[in-house]
Amino acid sequence: MEENPMEGQSNSNQNAQQQPQVNVNVNNTQTAEKTSGLCIAALVLGIVSLVLWCFWFISVPCAILAFILGLVGLKKPGKGMAIAGVVTGLITAVTWLITFIYLAVVVGALSSANGDINSALQDYMDNYGSSYYNY
């Protein structure tokens, strides 16, 4: 019987070539902090207030709530959403404040000039309006 010279070496080669075992922890034991509901609500209300800007009766309350909830949520996990809610709510509130002031000034100017416009229009109609209808 012929003896294979590789047989004796195969056992030693197997031990040398054996790779070390690595234990992998499949279960992730780290827990991420949950985002606060106040922060999510602030962000959602801020976005709603910007998107529905044309409807002031929806936009203004949403902006105010987004600002308040965002300020409260700054102390909780999810600070980025809280900041976004504060910023979007503040942008909407400031633009509406500017719009309301502008409209108040325009309406005030028109109402004070209304008497002057009416008297000027009446003078024009008295002097020139009747000749237009006579032709």
C-alpha atoms as a PDB file:
ATOM      1  CA  MET A   1       0.000   0.000   0.000  1.00  0.00           C
ATOM      2  CA  GLU A   2       1.290   3.315  -0.969  1.00  0.00           C
ATOM      3  CA  GLU A   3       1.103   5.994   1.595  1.00  0.00           C
ATOM      4  CA  ASN A   4       0.117   9.444   0.549  1.00  0.00           C
ATOM      5  CA  PRO A   5       2.660  11.944   1.817  1.00  0.00           C
ATOM      6  CA  MET A   6       0.012  14.685   1.860  1.00  0.00           C
ATOM      7  CA  GLU A   7      -2.203  12.970   4.401  1.00  0.00           C
ATOM      8  CA  GLY A   8      -0.099  13.921   7.341  1.00  0.00           C
ATOM      9  CA  GLN A   9       0.182  17.474   6.141  1.00  0.00           C
ATOM     10  CA  SER A  10      -3.500  17.875   5.444  1.00  0.00           C
ATOM     11  CA  ASN A  11      -4.421  17.833   9.134  1.00  0.00           C
ATOM     12  CA  SER A  12      -1.801  20.430   9.969  1.00  0.00           C
ATOM     13  CA  ASN A  13      -2.803  22.545   6.970  1.00  0.00           C
ATOM     14  CA  GLN A  14      -6.453  22.429   8.001  1.00  0.00           C
ATOM     15  CA  ASN A  15      -5.607  23.709  11.451  1.00  0.00           C
ATOM     16  CA  ALA A  16      -3.387  26.442  10.006  1.00  0.00           C
ATOM     17  CA  GLN A  17      -5.961  27.459   7.418  1.00  0.00           C
ATOM     18  CA  GLN A  18      -8.848  27.461   9.843  1.00  0.00           C
ATOM     19  CA  GLN A  19     -10.257  30.959  10.043  1.00  0.00           C
ATOM     20  CA  PRO A  20     -10.987  32.519  13.385  1.00  0.00           C
ATOM     21  CA  GLN A  21     -14.630  32.677  14.290  1.00  0.00           C
ATOM     22  CA  VAL A  22     -16.165  36.089  14.617  1.00  0.00           C
ATOM     23  CA  ASN A  23     -19.183  36.502  16.822  1.00  0.00           C
ATOM     24  CA  VAL A  24     -21.608  38.943  15.299  1.00  0.00           C
ATOM     25  CA  ASN A  25     -24.332  40.352  17.488  1.00  0.00           C
ATOM     26  CA  VAL A  26     -27.397  40.365  15.280  1.00  0.00           C
ATOM     27  CA  ASN A  27     -29.631  41.971  17.882  1.00  0.00           C
ATOM     28  CA  ASN A  28     -29.005  45.696  17.959  1.00  0.00           C
ATOM     29  CA  THR A  29     -29.273  46.641  21.584  1.00  0.00           C
ATOM     30  CA  GLN A  30     -28.889  50.357  20.978  1.00  0.00           C
ATOM     31  CA  THR A  31     -32.211  52.136  21.076  1.00  0.00           C
ATOM     32  CA  ALA A  32     -32.700  55.315  19.133  1.00  0.00           C
ATOM     33  CA  GLU A  33     -34.502  58.069  20.943  1.00  0.00           C
ATOM     34  CA  LYS A  34     -38.049  58.409  19.710  1.00  0.00           C
ATOM     35  CA  THR A  35     -38.968  61.701  18.152  1.00  0.00           C
ATOM     36  CA  SER A  36     -41.377  63.671  20.250  1.00  0.00           C
ATOM     37  CA  GLY A  37     -44.935  64.013  18.991  1.00  0.00           C
ATOM     38  CA  LEU A  38     -44.783  67.750  19.704  1.00  0.00           C
ATOM     39  CA  CYS A  39     -41.901  68.127  17.269  1.00  0.00           C
ATOM     40  CA  ILE A  40     -43.698  66.191  14.552  1.00  0.00           C
ATOM     41  CA  ALA A  41     -46.894  68.186  15.123  1.00  0.00           C
ATOM     42  CA  ALA A  42     -44.960  71.458  14.952  1.00  0.00           C
ATOM     43  CA  LEU A  43     -43.398  70.477  11.646  1.00  0.00           C
ATOM     44  CA  VAL A  44     -46.668  69.269  10.125  1.00  0.00           C
ATOM     45  CA  LEU A  45     -48.593  72.362  11.242  1.00  0.00           C
ATOM     46  CA  GLY A  46     -45.840  74.626   9.947  1.00  0.00           C
ATOM     47  CA  ILE A  47     -45.919  72.974   6.545  1.00  0.00           C
ATOM     48  CA  VAL A  48     -49.728  73.110   6.461  1.00  0.00           C
ATOM     49  CA  SER A  49     -49.645  76.812   7.354  1.00  0.00           C
ATOM     50  CA  LEU A  50     -47.254  77.513   4.467  1.00  0.00           C
ATOM     51  CA  VAL A  51     -49.102  75.397   1.917  1.00  0.00           C
ATOM     52  CA  LEU A  52     -52.525  76.779   2.830  1.00  0.00           C
ATOM     53  CA  TRP A  53     -51.322  80.359   3.130  1.00  0.00           C
ATOM     54  CA  CYS A  54     -54.176  81.676   0.981  1.00  0.00           C
ATOM     55  CA  PHE A  55     -56.733  80.466   3.526  1.00  0.00           C
ATOM     56  CA  TRP A  56     -55.948  82.732   6.457  1.00  0.00           C
ATOM     57  CA  PHE A  57     -58.536  81.121   8.744  1.00  0.00           C
ATOM     58  CA  ILE A  58     -56.572  77.839   8.489  1.00  0.00           C
ATOM     59  CA  SER A  59     -53.072  79.205   8.013  1.00  0.00           C
ATOM     60  CA  VAL A  60     -52.861  81.625  10.931  1.00  0.00           C
ATOM     61  CA  PRO A  61     -53.995  79.192  13.672  1.00  0.00           C
ATOM     62  CA  CYS A  62     -51.714  76.476  12.251  1.00  0.00           C
ATOM     63  CA  ALA A  63     -48.788  78.894  12.246  1.00  0.00           C
ATOM     64  CA  ILE A  64     -49.404  79.941  15.836  1.00  0.00           C
ATOM     65  CA  LEU A  65     -49.731  76.329  16.983  1.00  0.00           C
ATOM     66  CA  ALA A  66     -46.598  75.317  15.033  1.00  0.00           C
ATOM     67  CA  PHE A  67     -44.638  78.092  16.704  1.00  0.00           C
ATOM     68  CA  ILE A  68     -45.833  77.211  20.217  1.00  0.00           C
ATOM     69  CA  LEU A  69     -45.451  73.435  19.828  1.00  0.00           C
ATOM     70  CA  GLY A  70     -42.031  73.917  18.263  1.00  0.00           C
ATOM     71  CA  LEU A  71     -40.837  76.017  21.183  1.00  0.00           C
ATOM     72  CA  VAL A  72     -42.065  73.401  23.653  1.00  0.00           C
ATOM     73  CA  GLY A  73     -40.560  70.607  21.545  1.00  0.00           C
ATOM     74  CA  LEU A  74     -37.081  72.166  21.528  1.00  0.00           C
ATOM     75  CA  LYS A  75     -36.422  70.492  24.874  1.00  0.00           C
ATOM     76  CA  LYS A  76     -37.357  67.030  23.598  1.00  0.00           C
ATOM     77  CA  PRO A  77     -35.852  64.571  21.100  1.00  0.00           C
ATOM     78  CA  GLY A  78     -36.440  65.579  17.506  1.00  0.00           C
ATOM     79  CA  LYS A  79     -35.057  69.061  17.899  1.00  0.00           C
ATOM     80  CA  GLY A  80     -34.613  69.517  14.130  1.00  0.00           C
ATOM     81  CA  MET A  81     -38.316  69.047  13.481  1.00  0.00           C
ATOM     82  CA  ALA A  82     -39.130  71.463  16.281  1.00  0.00           C
ATOM     83  CA  ILE A  83     -36.842  74.099  14.786  1.00  0.00           C
ATOM     84  CA  ALA A  84     -38.406  73.571  11.349  1.00  0.00           C
ATOM     85  CA  GLY A  85     -41.876  73.964  12.898  1.00  0.00           C
ATOM     86  CA  VAL A  86     -40.877  77.189  14.643  1.00  0.00           C
ATOM     87  CA  VAL A  87     -39.346  78.613  11.464  1.00  0.00           C
ATOM     88  CA  THR A  88     -42.242  77.690   9.165  1.00  0.00           C
ATOM     89  CA  GLY A  89     -44.800  78.940  11.672  1.00  0.00           C
ATOM     90  CA  LEU A  90     -42.891  82.174  12.131  1.00  0.00           C
ATOM     91  CA  ILE A  91     -42.542  82.740   8.383  1.00  0.00           C
ATOM     92  CA  THR A  92     -46.271  82.266   7.876  1.00  0.00           C
ATOM     93  CA  ALA A  93     -47.228  84.446  10.844  1.00  0.00           C
ATOM     94  CA  VAL A  94     -44.922  87.286   9.774  1.00  0.00           C
ATOM     95  CA  THR A  95     -46.125  87.237   6.172  1.00  0.00           C
ATOM     96  CA  TRP A  96     -49.733  87.337   7.334  1.00  0.00           C
ATOM     97  CA  LEU A  97     -48.942  90.156   9.756  1.00  0.00           C
ATOM     98  CA  ILE A  98     -47.386  92.160   6.932  1.00  0.00           C
ATOM     99  CA  THR A  99     -50.379  91.376   4.702  1.00  0.00           C
ATOM    100  CA  PHE A 100     -52.894  92.447   7.364  1.00  0.00           C
ATOM    101  CA  ILE A 101     -51.015  95.707   7.994  1.00  0.00           C
ATOM    102  CA  TYR A 102     -50.815  96.398   4.264  1.00  0.00           C
ATOM    103  CA  LEU A 103     -54.526  95.732   3.802  1.00  0.00           C
ATOM    104  CA  ALA A 104     -55.405  97.943   6.778  1.00  0.00           C
ATOM    105  CA  VAL A 105     -53.360 100.811   5.344  1.00  0.00           C
ATOM    106  CA  VAL A 106     -54.851 100.403   1.872  1.00  0.00           C
ATOM    107  CA  VAL A 107     -58.424 100.145   3.137  1.00  0.00           C
ATOM    108  CA  GLY A 108     -57.865 103.117   5.447  1.00  0.00           C
ATOM    109  CA  ALA A 109     -56.450 105.197   2.609  1.00  0.00           C
ATOM    110  CA  LEU A 110     -59.306 104.256   0.306  1.00  0.00           C
ATOM    111  CA  SER A 111     -61.964 104.985   2.898  1.00  0.00           C
ATOM    112  CA  SER A 112     -60.504 108.417   3.712  1.00  0.00           C
ATOM    113  CA  ALA A 113     -60.171 109.240   0.025  1.00  0.00           C
ATOM    114  CA  ASN A 114     -63.650 107.905  -0.704  1.00  0.00           C
ATOM    115  CA  GLY A 115     -65.340 111.214   0.079  1.00  0.00           C
ATOM    116  CA  ASP A 116     -62.935 113.095  -2.186  1.00  0.00           C
ATOM    117  CA  ILE A 117     -63.388 110.604  -4.988  1.00  0.00           C
ATOM    118  CA  ASN A 118     -67.170 110.718  -4.706  1.00  0.00           C
ATOM    119  CA  SER A 119     -67.279 114.523  -4.802  1.00  0.00           C
ATOM    120  CA  ALA A 120     -64.832 114.641  -7.738  1.00  0.00           C
ATOM    121  CA  LEU A 121     -66.879 112.061  -9.609  1.00  0.00           C
ATOM    122  CA  GLN A 122     -70.084 113.973  -8.896  1.00  0.00           C
ATOM    123  CA  ASP A 123     -68.534 117.242 -10.163  1.00  0.00           C
ATOM    124  CA  TYR A 124     -67.401 115.517 -13.318  1.00  0.00           C
ATOM    125  CA  MET A 125     -70.830 114.007 -13.934  1.00  0.00           C
ATOM    126  CA  ASP A 126     -72.521 117.357 -13.297  1.00  0.00           C
ATOM    127  CA  ASN A 127     -70.260 119.229 -15.698  1.00  0.00           C
ATOM    128  CA  TYR A 128     -69.458 116.705 -18.421  1.00  0.00           C
ATOM    129  CA  GLY A 129     -71.621 113.672 -17.914  1.00  0.00           C
ATOM    130  CA  SER A 130     -74.859 115.170 -19.187  1.00  0.00           C
ATOM    131  CA  SER A 131     -73.284 116.246 -22.474  1.00  0.00           C
ATOM    132  CA  TYR A 132     -72.243 112.700 -23.146  1.00  0.00           C
ATOM    133  CA  TYR A 133     -75.814 111.462 -22.999  1.00  0.00           C
ATOM    134  CA  ASN A 134     -77.213 114.254 -25.171  1.00  0.00           C
ATOM    135  CA  TYR A 135     -75.701 112.984 -28.412  1.00  0.00           C
END
